[in-house]
Protein backbone atom coordinates (compact mmCIF):
# COMPACT_ATOMS: atom_id res chain seq x y z
CA MET A 1 0.00 0.00 0.00
CA LYS A 2 1.36 3.40 -0.91
CA GLN A 3 2.32 5.77 1.84
CA SER A 4 -0.33 8.30 0.84
CA TYR A 5 -3.08 5.68 1.12
CA ARG A 6 -1.81 4.62 4.54
CA VAL A 7 -1.88 8.19 5.80
CA ALA A 8 -5.38 8.73 4.41
CA LEU A 9 -6.67 5.48 5.92
CA ALA A 10 -5.20 6.26 9.36
CA ALA A 11 -6.72 9.74 9.29
CA SER A 12 -10.13 8.29 8.37
CA LEU A 13 -10.02 5.74 11.20
CA ILE A 14 -9.02 8.38 13.74
CA ALA A 15 -11.86 10.61 12.61
CA LEU A 16 -14.33 7.73 12.71
CA PHE A 17 -13.32 6.60 16.22
CA ALA A 18 -13.54 10.15 17.53
CA SER A 19 -17.00 10.76 16.03
CA PRO A 20 -20.26 10.48 18.07
CA ALA A 21 -21.46 7.85 15.60
CA PHE A 22 -19.88 5.19 17.83
CA ALA A 23 -21.24 4.29 21.28
CA TYR A 24 -18.87 3.67 24.13
CA ASP A 25 -19.09 0.79 26.56
CA GLY A 26 -17.18 2.50 29.34
CA MET A 27 -15.44 0.18 31.76
CA HIS A 28 -15.35 0.74 35.49
CA GLY A 29 -12.41 2.93 36.43
CA SER A 30 -12.13 4.63 33.04
CA SER A 31 -10.77 8.16 32.99
CA ASP A 32 -11.52 8.82 29.31
CA ARG A 33 -13.65 11.89 29.94
CA PRO A 34 -13.14 13.39 26.48
CA HIS A 35 -15.70 10.89 25.21
CA ALA A 36 -18.35 12.53 27.37
CA ALA A 37 -17.56 15.87 25.86
CA GLN A 38 -17.68 14.36 22.38
CA GLY A 39 -21.13 13.01 23.00
CA THR A 40 -20.44 9.27 23.04
CA GLN A 41 -22.92 7.14 25.02
CA TYR A 42 -23.26 3.64 26.47
CA HIS A 43 -25.89 1.52 24.74
CA GLY A 44 -26.15 -1.22 27.33
CA SER A 45 -25.65 -4.27 25.13
CA ASN A 46 -22.82 -5.89 23.25
CA THR A 47 -24.97 -8.61 21.73
CA GLY A 48 -23.76 -9.61 18.29
CA TYR A 49 -20.43 -7.81 18.60
CA SER A 50 -17.12 -9.55 19.06
CA TYR A 51 -14.99 -8.33 21.93
CA ARG A 52 -11.95 -9.47 19.97
CA HIS A 53 -12.54 -7.06 17.09
CA TYR A 54 -14.02 -3.86 18.49
CA TYR A 55 -11.69 -2.54 21.09
CA ARG A 56 -8.75 -0.27 21.57
CA GLN A 57 -6.36 0.17 24.44
CA GLY A 58 -5.80 3.67 25.76
CA PRO A 59 -3.70 5.09 28.59
CA ARG A 60 -4.86 3.84 32.02
CA MET A 61 -7.97 2.32 30.43
CA HIS A 62 -9.45 -1.17 30.12
CA PRO A 63 -10.24 -2.57 26.67
CA ARG A 64 -13.18 -0.79 25.10
CA TYR A 65 -15.82 -2.16 22.85
CA TYR A 66 -17.52 -0.05 20.27
CA ARG A 67 -20.94 -0.29 18.78
CA PRO A 68 -22.60 2.13 16.40
CA MET A 69 -25.66 3.86 17.91
CA PRO A 70 -28.13 5.59 15.64
CA PRO A 71 -29.80 8.91 16.47
CA PRO A 72 -31.51 10.14 18.62
CA PHE A 73 -29.34 8.54 21.31
CA TYR A 74 -26.31 10.74 20.86
CA GLY A 75 -25.44 12.97 23.75
CA ALA A 76 -23.73 12.95 27.10
CA PRO A 77 -23.83 9.73 29.14
CA GLN A 78 -26.83 9.60 31.47
CA ARG A 79 -26.26 9.48 35.19
CA GLY A 80 -27.91 6.67 37.11
CA MET A 81 -26.83 4.07 34.56
CA TYR A 82 -25.08 0.89 35.49
CA ARG A 83 -21.50 -0.10 34.45
CA MET A 84 -20.51 3.32 33.19
CA GLY A 85 -17.42 3.78 35.39
CA PRO A 86 -17.10 7.50 36.12
CA TYR A 87 -20.32 8.13 34.22
CA GLY A 88 -22.55 6.35 36.73
CA PRO A 89 -24.25 2.94 36.94
CA MET A 90 -26.48 1.36 34.33
CA TYR A 91 -28.09 -2.05 33.79
CA TYR A 92 -27.33 -4.31 30.87
CA GLY A 93 -29.93 -4.39 28.14
CA MET A 94 -31.90 -1.45 29.49
CA PRO A 95 -34.76 -0.40 27.21
CA SER A 96 -34.64 3.31 27.99
CA TYR A 97 -31.96 5.95 27.98
CA GLY A 98 -33.53 8.99 29.56
CA ALA A 99 -31.80 10.81 32.40
CA GLY A 100 -31.93 8.83 35.60
CA LYS A 101 -33.85 5.92 34.01
CA ALA A 102 -31.87 2.77 34.46
CA GLY A 103 -34.58 0.38 33.33
CA SER A 104 -35.07 -3.06 34.91
CA PRO A 105 -32.05 -5.07 36.05
CA PRO A 106 -31.63 -8.46 34.43
CA LYS A 107 -32.81 -11.45 36.45
CA GLY A 108 -30.30 -12.53 39.04
CA TYR A 109 -28.59 -9.16 39.35
CA ALA A 110 -28.99 -6.49 41.97
CA GLY A 111 -28.55 -2.81 41.35
CA GLY A 112 -25.17 -1.40 42.28
CA LYS A 113 -23.38 -4.76 42.21
CA ALA A 114 -21.64 -5.01 38.87
CA GLY A 115 -21.70 -8.48 37.42
CA LYS A 116 -22.58 -10.23 40.72
CA PRO A 117 -25.66 -12.41 40.36
CA GLU A 118 -27.97 -12.78 43.33
CA GLU A 119 -31.04 -14.89 43.98
CA ALA A 120 -34.15 -12.99 43.03
CA ALA A 121 -36.27 -12.58 46.18
CA ALA A 122 -39.69 -13.04 44.64
CA ASP A 123 -42.62 -12.28 46.91
CA ASP A 124 -44.45 -15.41 48.01
CA ASN A 125 -48.12 -14.54 48.14
CA SER A 126 -49.32 -18.10 48.60
CA ILE A 127 -51.17 -19.07 51.77
CA VAL A 128 -47.89 -20.37 53.22
CA GLY A 129 -46.01 -17.20 52.27
CA VAL A 130 -48.70 -14.89 53.66
CA ALA A 131 -48.81 -16.86 56.94
CA GLN A 132 -45.02 -16.67 57.24
CA ALA A 133 -45.04 -12.92 56.61
CA ALA A 134 -47.88 -12.31 59.06
CA GLY A 135 -46.15 -14.12 61.93
CA GLY A 136 -47.83 -15.98 64.76
CA PHE A 137 -48.33 -19.20 62.78
CA ASP A 138 -44.97 -20.91 63.37
CA THR A 139 -46.46 -24.06 64.92
CA LEU A 140 -49.07 -24.38 62.18
CA LEU A 141 -46.44 -24.00 59.46
CA ALA A 142 -44.15 -26.51 61.15
CA ALA A 143 -47.06 -28.93 61.43
CA ALA A 144 -47.99 -28.37 57.78
CA LYS A 145 -44.44 -29.17 56.76
CA ALA A 146 -44.30 -32.27 58.96
CA GLY A 147 -47.71 -33.38 57.71
CA GLY A 148 -46.78 -32.93 54.05
CA LEU A 149 -49.40 -30.20 53.54
CA ALA A 150 -47.16 -27.14 53.13
CA GLU A 151 -46.51 -27.84 49.44
CA ALA A 152 -50.23 -28.23 48.74
CA LEU A 153 -51.01 -24.91 50.46
CA ALA A 154 -48.41 -23.23 48.25
CA SER A 155 -50.01 -24.64 45.06
CA ASP A 156 -52.74 -23.13 42.89
CA GLY A 157 -55.67 -24.04 45.13
CA PRO A 158 -57.78 -22.13 45.85
CA PHE A 159 -58.21 -22.99 49.53
CA THR A 160 -59.91 -21.52 52.57
CA VAL A 161 -57.80 -22.08 55.69
CA PHE A 162 -59.00 -21.71 59.26
CA ALA A 163 -55.60 -21.06 60.80
CA PRO A 164 -54.92 -21.54 64.53
CA VAL A 165 -52.36 -19.13 65.97
CA ASP A 166 -49.35 -20.29 67.99
CA ALA A 167 -51.20 -19.55 71.25
CA ALA A 168 -53.88 -22.06 70.21
CA PHE A 169 -51.29 -24.82 69.92
CA ALA A 170 -49.68 -23.72 73.18
CA GLU A 171 -52.95 -24.48 75.00
CA LEU A 172 -52.75 -28.14 74.00
CA PRO A 173 -50.81 -30.68 76.06
CA GLU A 174 -47.20 -30.39 74.94
CA ALA A 175 -46.83 -34.15 74.78
CA ALA A 176 -49.79 -34.38 72.40
CA VAL A 177 -48.35 -31.78 70.01
CA ASN A 178 -44.90 -33.38 70.05
CA ASN A 179 -46.46 -36.77 69.45
CA LEU A 180 -48.35 -35.51 66.40
CA LEU A 181 -45.12 -34.13 64.93
CA GLN A 182 -43.43 -37.54 65.00
CA PRO A 183 -42.81 -39.08 61.53
CA GLU A 184 -44.85 -42.18 62.34
CA ASN A 185 -47.91 -39.96 62.95
CA GLN A 186 -47.66 -38.03 59.68
CA GLU A 187 -50.93 -39.42 58.33
CA THR A 188 -52.80 -38.51 61.52
CA LEU A 189 -51.30 -35.02 61.49
CA ALA A 190 -52.20 -34.56 57.82
CA SER A 191 -55.83 -35.47 58.58
CA LEU A 192 -55.94 -32.98 61.45
CA LEU A 193 -54.57 -30.19 59.26
CA GLN A 194 -56.93 -31.03 56.40
CA HIS A 195 -59.75 -30.59 58.90
CA HIS A 196 -58.78 -26.89 58.90
CA VAL A 197 -58.89 -26.49 55.11
CA VAL A 198 -61.87 -26.16 52.76
CA ALA A 199 -61.69 -26.28 48.98
CA GLY A 200 -62.39 -22.96 47.25
CA ARG A 201 -61.99 -19.32 48.22
CA ILE A 202 -64.75 -18.52 50.74
CA ASP A 203 -64.80 -15.09 52.33
CA ALA A 204 -66.26 -14.33 55.76
CA ALA A 205 -69.73 -13.62 54.39
CA GLY A 206 -69.67 -16.87 52.43
CA VAL A 207 -68.69 -18.83 55.52
CA VAL A 208 -71.68 -17.46 57.45
CA GLU A 209 -74.05 -18.13 54.56
CA ALA A 210 -72.81 -21.71 54.17
CA GLY A 211 -74.04 -22.89 57.57
CA GLU A 212 -71.81 -25.95 57.30
CA LEU A 213 -68.59 -26.62 55.39
CA GLU A 214 -66.85 -29.80 54.38
CA SER A 215 -63.11 -29.95 55.04
CA LEU A 216 -60.49 -31.59 52.85
CA ALA A 217 -60.49 -34.42 55.39
CA GLY A 218 -64.14 -35.06 54.53
CA THR A 219 -65.23 -33.94 58.00
CA PRO A 220 -68.04 -31.43 58.66
CA LEU A 221 -67.36 -27.95 60.01
CA ALA A 222 -70.48 -26.50 61.59
CA VAL A 223 -70.83 -22.71 61.34
CA GLU A 224 -72.52 -21.08 64.34
CA VAL A 225 -73.39 -17.39 64.61
CA GLU A 226 -74.31 -15.75 67.90
CA GLY A 227 -74.44 -11.99 67.78
CA ASP A 228 -71.11 -10.77 66.43
CA GLU A 229 -69.37 -14.05 67.27
CA VAL A 230 -68.83 -16.71 64.60
CA ARG A 231 -67.66 -20.22 65.39
CA VAL A 232 -66.47 -22.77 62.87
CA GLY A 233 -65.93 -26.35 63.95
CA GLY A 234 -66.66 -25.28 67.52
CA VAL A 235 -63.90 -22.65 67.72
CA ARG A 236 -64.09 -18.87 67.51
CA VAL A 237 -63.06 -16.97 64.37
CA VAL A 238 -61.05 -13.94 65.48
CA GLN A 239 -59.87 -12.48 62.15
CA THR A 240 -61.15 -12.90 58.61
CA ASP A 241 -60.35 -12.41 54.94
CA ILE A 242 -56.55 -12.42 54.89
CA GLY A 243 -56.08 -12.73 51.15
CA ALA A 244 -53.52 -14.84 49.29
CA ASP A 245 -52.99 -15.61 45.62
CA ASN A 246 -54.31 -19.14 46.09
CA GLY A 247 -57.01 -18.59 48.69
CA VAL A 248 -57.96 -16.89 51.92
CA ILE A 249 -57.09 -17.27 55.61
CA HIS A 250 -59.47 -16.92 58.55
CA VAL A 251 -57.77 -16.94 61.97
CA VAL A 252 -59.22 -19.11 64.76
CA ASP A 253 -58.31 -19.06 68.44
CA GLN A 254 -58.19 -22.84 68.96
CA VAL A 255 -57.11 -25.94 67.08
CA MET A 256 -60.14 -27.66 65.53
CA PHE A 257 -60.55 -31.38 66.14
CA PRO A 258 -62.91 -33.78 64.40
CA GLU A 259 -64.98 -35.86 66.80
CA GLY A 260 -62.84 -38.49 68.52
CA PHE A 261 -59.62 -36.99 67.22
CA ALA A 262 -58.35 -35.08 70.28
CA CYS A 263 -56.61 -36.93 73.11
CA ILE A 264 -58.27 -37.49 76.51
CA ALA A 265 -56.34 -34.59 78.07
CA THR A 266 -57.41 -32.22 75.30
CA VAL A 267 -61.07 -33.29 75.41
CA ALA A 268 -61.10 -32.74 79.18
CA GLN A 269 -59.42 -29.36 78.80
CA ARG A 270 -61.82 -28.21 76.08
CA SER A 271 -64.86 -29.04 78.17
CA GLY A 272 -63.86 -26.45 80.78
CA GLU A 273 -65.15 -28.43 83.77
CA PHE A 274 -62.11 -30.53 84.65
CA GLU A 275 -59.49 -27.96 85.70
CA THR A 276 -58.91 -29.55 89.12
CA LEU A 277 -58.65 -33.04 87.63
CA LEU A 278 -56.10 -31.89 85.03
CA ALA A 279 -54.07 -29.98 87.61
CA ALA A 280 -53.98 -33.09 89.77
CA ALA A 281 -53.01 -35.27 86.79
CA GLU A 282 -50.16 -32.92 85.94
CA ALA A 283 -48.93 -32.87 89.54
CA ALA A 284 -49.06 -36.67 89.59
CA GLY A 285 -47.16 -36.96 86.28
CA LEU A 286 -50.14 -38.59 84.57
CA LYS A 287 -51.24 -35.81 82.18
CA ASP A 288 -48.79 -36.87 79.44
CA ALA A 289 -50.09 -40.43 79.71
CA LEU A 290 -53.63 -39.14 79.14
CA ALA A 291 -52.33 -37.28 76.09
CA VAL A 292 -50.32 -39.93 74.25
CA GLU A 293 -50.79 -43.32 75.89
CA GLY A 294 -53.78 -45.61 76.15
CA PRO A 295 -56.34 -46.49 75.21
CA PHE A 296 -58.00 -45.62 78.52
CA THR A 297 -61.49 -45.24 79.92
CA LEU A 298 -61.55 -42.28 82.27
CA PHE A 299 -64.31 -41.75 84.81
CA ALA A 300 -63.76 -38.01 85.18
CA PRO A 301 -64.93 -36.06 88.25
CA THR A 302 -65.94 -32.49 87.51
CA ASP A 303 -64.62 -29.44 89.35
CA ALA A 304 -67.88 -29.42 91.29
CA ALA A 305 -67.19 -33.00 92.37
CA PHE A 306 -63.81 -32.02 93.81
CA GLU A 307 -65.45 -29.13 95.69
CA GLN A 308 -67.59 -31.66 97.52
CA LEU A 309 -64.53 -33.22 99.18
CA PRO A 310 -63.72 -32.16 102.76
CA GLU A 311 -61.97 -28.82 102.85
CA GLY A 312 -58.21 -29.09 102.39
CA THR A 313 -58.33 -32.60 100.87
CA VAL A 314 -57.22 -31.50 97.41
CA ASP A 315 -54.45 -29.23 98.74
CA GLU A 316 -53.16 -32.04 100.91
CA LEU A 317 -53.12 -34.51 98.00
CA LEU A 318 -51.17 -32.01 95.90
CA GLN A 319 -48.31 -31.84 98.41
CA PRO A 320 -45.12 -33.45 97.02
CA GLU A 321 -44.86 -35.86 99.95
CA ASN A 322 -48.33 -37.22 99.11
CA LEU A 323 -47.55 -37.97 95.46
CA PRO A 324 -48.13 -41.78 95.75
CA ASP A 325 -51.55 -41.18 97.31
CA LEU A 326 -52.48 -38.69 94.58
CA GLN A 327 -51.41 -41.12 91.86
CA ARG A 328 -53.43 -43.92 93.43
CA VAL A 329 -56.58 -41.74 93.65
CA LEU A 330 -56.30 -40.74 89.97
CA GLN A 331 -55.48 -44.26 88.75
CA HIS A 332 -58.57 -45.43 90.65
CA HIS A 333 -60.58 -43.47 88.01
CA ILE A 334 -58.88 -45.06 84.98
CA VAL A 335 -59.54 -48.42 83.32
CA ALA A 336 -57.39 -49.91 80.58
CA GLY A 337 -59.10 -50.04 77.18
CA SER A 338 -61.68 -47.86 75.49
CA LEU A 339 -65.10 -48.85 76.86
CA THR A 340 -68.30 -47.22 75.69
CA ALA A 341 -71.19 -46.71 78.11
CA GLU A 342 -72.87 -49.86 76.83
CA GLU A 343 -69.72 -51.90 77.39
CA VAL A 344 -69.31 -50.44 80.89
CA LEU A 345 -72.85 -51.48 81.85
CA GLU A 346 -72.29 -54.96 80.51
CA ALA A 347 -69.10 -55.36 82.54
CA GLU A 348 -70.67 -55.04 86.04
CA THR A 349 -67.16 -54.73 87.56
CA LEU A 350 -64.03 -53.06 86.22
CA GLU A 351 -60.41 -53.22 87.31
CA THR A 352 -58.60 -49.88 87.50
CA LEU A 353 -54.96 -48.97 86.85
CA ALA A 354 -54.56 -48.75 90.64
CA GLY A 355 -55.46 -52.43 90.90
CA THR A 356 -58.76 -51.60 92.57
CA THR A 357 -62.27 -52.65 91.52
CA LEU A 358 -65.15 -50.43 90.40
CA GLU A 359 -68.71 -51.71 90.67
CA VAL A 360 -71.19 -50.77 87.95
CA SER A 361 -74.87 -50.51 88.80
CA MET A 362 -78.15 -49.03 87.62
CA GLU A 363 -80.56 -47.05 89.79
CA GLY A 364 -83.64 -46.73 87.66
CA ASP A 365 -82.36 -45.23 84.41
CA GLN A 366 -79.29 -43.75 86.08
CA PRO A 367 -75.99 -45.60 85.56
CA ARG A 368 -73.61 -45.48 88.53
CA ILE A 369 -70.00 -46.36 89.18
CA ASN A 370 -69.02 -47.08 92.80
CA GLY A 371 -72.05 -45.07 93.89
CA ALA A 372 -71.27 -42.01 91.74
CA ASP A 373 -73.74 -40.93 89.07
CA ILE A 374 -72.44 -41.12 85.49
CA ALA A 375 -73.71 -37.78 84.22
CA THR A 376 -72.38 -37.78 80.65
CA VAL A 377 -71.14 -40.72 78.62
CA ASP A 378 -69.04 -41.43 75.57
CA LEU A 379 -66.88 -38.33 75.14
CA MET A 380 -64.70 -39.97 72.52
CA ALA A 381 -60.98 -39.25 72.27
CA SER A 382 -58.16 -40.47 70.07
CA ASN A 383 -56.74 -42.57 72.92
CA GLY A 384 -59.89 -43.59 74.75
CA VAL A 385 -63.17 -42.34 76.12
CA ILE A 386 -64.40 -40.15 78.99
CA HIS A 387 -67.47 -40.74 81.13
CA VAL A 388 -68.28 -37.79 83.41
CA ILE A 389 -69.10 -38.50 87.07
CA ASP A 390 -70.38 -36.23 89.83
CA THR A 391 -68.27 -37.59 92.71
CA VAL A 392 -64.56 -38.16 93.30
CA LEU A 393 -63.90 -41.88 93.77
CA ILE A 394 -61.74 -42.62 96.82
CA PRO A 395 -60.04 -46.07 96.86
């Protein structure tokens, strides 16, 4: 090539590179400010351009890649754009170039962190995600996970969930809750949780109008309205219409149990008339047995029955030094096996856990056990049955 052509070609290339007809992909740390004055601008994408062919090396500068940019995008680099070095940050592939408009960052990248992918923290608006964000449902969520229901509640649905708060689980015997969370009881736990879930999205007004709902467990949930109070499945609804993408949550103040599903200790606690009996069982170390062992038949004296004892009798039995006597009194009310009222009457005599004998009799239409009236029969539990009596049985 003749010298004159070489000179002309070099001059043309210098003029072309210095013109605003080429966009500049400024690298972090660049000090090439003349390009700003000349009107060069970052386009945000190098797609289709080879880094091996479109670059030059300048003083104190990283390799640069050039890409032609048509009008009207000539002008000074815009601040607020990612990967512009001294010209400010800008995101790759941004669709807009106006001042201060950086566009949307590509998936996996966070603004201000050049080239460092991060996990996108997508909002979880499923029932599970909403419950987690709301707080106060830790035990329910742990149970849903252990029972294999968490994944279902995060799916499309829709579902209506009557969600017990942590305080509702805390009211249950600890041994009973821990027992339900064991792997071997996963099926039982799943059934209990499904009892709290109804297919479809049913708001508060729809729940009241329904009168009765059918749970995913196939069990009925009676809806009762008294004044401003609404009960579903026998428990009070305290908050309604917490929306989620795949359904709705209504908050309840107690765990709901299908009939015969709660343990003896829970059934006694829910009735509200056995506080003295349960306190005595806990002091005697028998409450956990009534929660997870069995099956048992419990002849349960009411609080009123304990009040009929001579004054100071209960306090004396609760003293640590009288623990064997307390245990014997309580075991005198318990028979091994789950016996319905009909089976009790057929038995005539029963042997208790204390090794004592209970005599069954009838006085007219009134069944009696060791002289005490059996007031209510067949309160079914998961680990036995309760028959309510009006007198404390003393061995």
